[in-house]
């Protein structure tokens, strides 16, 4: 399984989670060209090693293990995946 970034990240984009990720699977970072145009951060499901370090770093509680994602935010599974298909 992977972790999912959900609705609370929209408009926040705090990058504390990026700093602790050991496999660089959270984007866009502040150095990425699309950081300003994206409304949230995303976790690459193919790269995430499910370590969970990002969960505790998120100041707005926006990151969940996929199996614990609230049902109302299920659309964020596809939003995270779609970002990396570009």
Protein backbone atom coordinates (compact mmCIF):
# COMPACT_ATOMS: atom_id res chain seq x y z
CA UNK A 1 0.00 0.00 0.00
CA UNK A 2 0.92 3.63 -0.26
CA UNK A 3 0.09 6.84 1.51
CA UNK A 4 -2.31 9.41 0.10
CA UNK A 5 -2.33 13.18 0.47
CA UNK A 6 -5.91 14.41 0.78
CA UNK A 7 -8.09 17.53 0.99
CA UNK A 8 -6.45 19.31 3.97
CA UNK A 9 -3.33 19.89 1.83
CA UNK A 10 -5.23 21.98 -0.72
CA UNK A 11 -4.02 25.53 -0.42
CA UNK A 12 -1.54 24.64 2.33
CA UNK A 13 1.27 22.77 0.54
CA UNK A 14 3.45 22.66 3.65
CA UNK A 15 6.59 20.82 2.58
CA UNK A 16 7.63 19.38 5.94
CA UNK A 17 6.63 15.97 4.58
CA UNK A 18 8.97 16.39 1.62
CA UNK A 19 11.94 16.89 3.93
CA UNK A 20 11.47 13.60 5.81
CA UNK A 21 10.65 11.37 2.83
CA UNK A 22 13.58 8.95 2.35
CA UNK A 23 12.64 8.12 -1.27
CA UNK A 24 11.70 11.57 -2.62
CA UNK A 25 8.16 10.53 -3.55
CA UNK A 26 6.30 13.73 -2.59
CA UNK A 27 5.97 16.46 -5.21
CA UNK A 28 5.87 19.15 -6.29
CA UNK A 29 8.67 20.47 -4.12
CA UNK A 30 9.36 24.19 -3.83
CA UNK A 31 12.06 23.69 -6.50
CA UNK A 32 9.71 22.06 -9.02
CA UNK A 33 8.43 24.34 -11.80
CA UNK A 34 4.78 23.44 -11.10
CA UNK A 35 4.89 24.14 -7.34
CA UNK A 36 3.05 27.46 -7.71
CA UNK A 37 0.40 26.14 -10.09
CA UNK A 38 -0.52 22.96 -8.22
CA UNK A 39 -2.97 23.40 -5.35
CA UNK A 40 -1.59 20.53 -3.25
CA UNK A 41 1.24 18.00 -2.91
CA UNK A 42 1.05 14.39 -4.13
CA UNK A 43 2.63 11.06 -3.20
CA UNK A 44 3.90 8.82 -5.99
CA UNK A 45 2.28 5.43 -5.34
CA UNK A 46 4.98 3.59 -7.31
CA UNK A 47 7.81 5.10 -5.26
CA UNK A 48 6.28 5.30 -1.76
CA UNK A 49 7.73 2.66 0.56
CA UNK A 50 4.93 3.09 3.11
CA UNK A 51 7.31 4.18 5.86
CA UNK A 52 4.82 6.66 7.33
CA UNK A 53 7.39 9.32 8.22
CA UNK A 54 5.39 11.95 6.34
CA UNK A 55 2.23 11.38 8.37
CA UNK A 56 3.55 12.85 11.61
CA UNK A 57 5.22 15.77 9.82
CA UNK A 58 2.06 17.02 8.13
CA UNK A 59 0.78 20.03 10.11
CA UNK A 60 -2.74 19.76 8.66
CA UNK A 61 -3.21 15.97 8.97
CA UNK A 62 -3.59 15.50 5.22
CA UNK A 63 -1.63 12.25 4.79
CA UNK A 64 -3.17 8.82 5.34
CA UNK A 65 -2.26 5.21 4.67
CA UNK A 66 -4.50 4.36 1.72
CA UNK A 67 -6.48 1.85 3.75
CA UNK A 68 -7.24 4.54 6.38
CA UNK A 69 -8.24 7.29 3.96
CA UNK A 70 -11.69 8.63 4.92
CA UNK A 71 -14.27 7.43 2.36
CA UNK A 72 -15.28 11.02 1.56
CA UNK A 73 -11.77 11.61 0.23
CA UNK A 74 -11.46 8.49 -1.95
CA UNK A 75 -11.06 10.71 -5.04
CA UNK A 76 -7.62 11.69 -3.75
CA UNK A 77 -6.28 8.23 -4.56
CA UNK A 78 -6.73 9.02 -8.24
CA UNK A 79 -5.56 12.63 -7.83
CA UNK A 80 -2.24 11.43 -6.37
CA UNK A 81 -1.82 8.78 -9.06
CA UNK A 82 -2.78 11.10 -11.92
CA UNK A 83 -0.19 13.69 -10.97
CA UNK A 84 2.58 11.17 -11.71
CA UNK A 85 1.08 10.07 -15.02
CA UNK A 86 1.78 13.49 -16.56
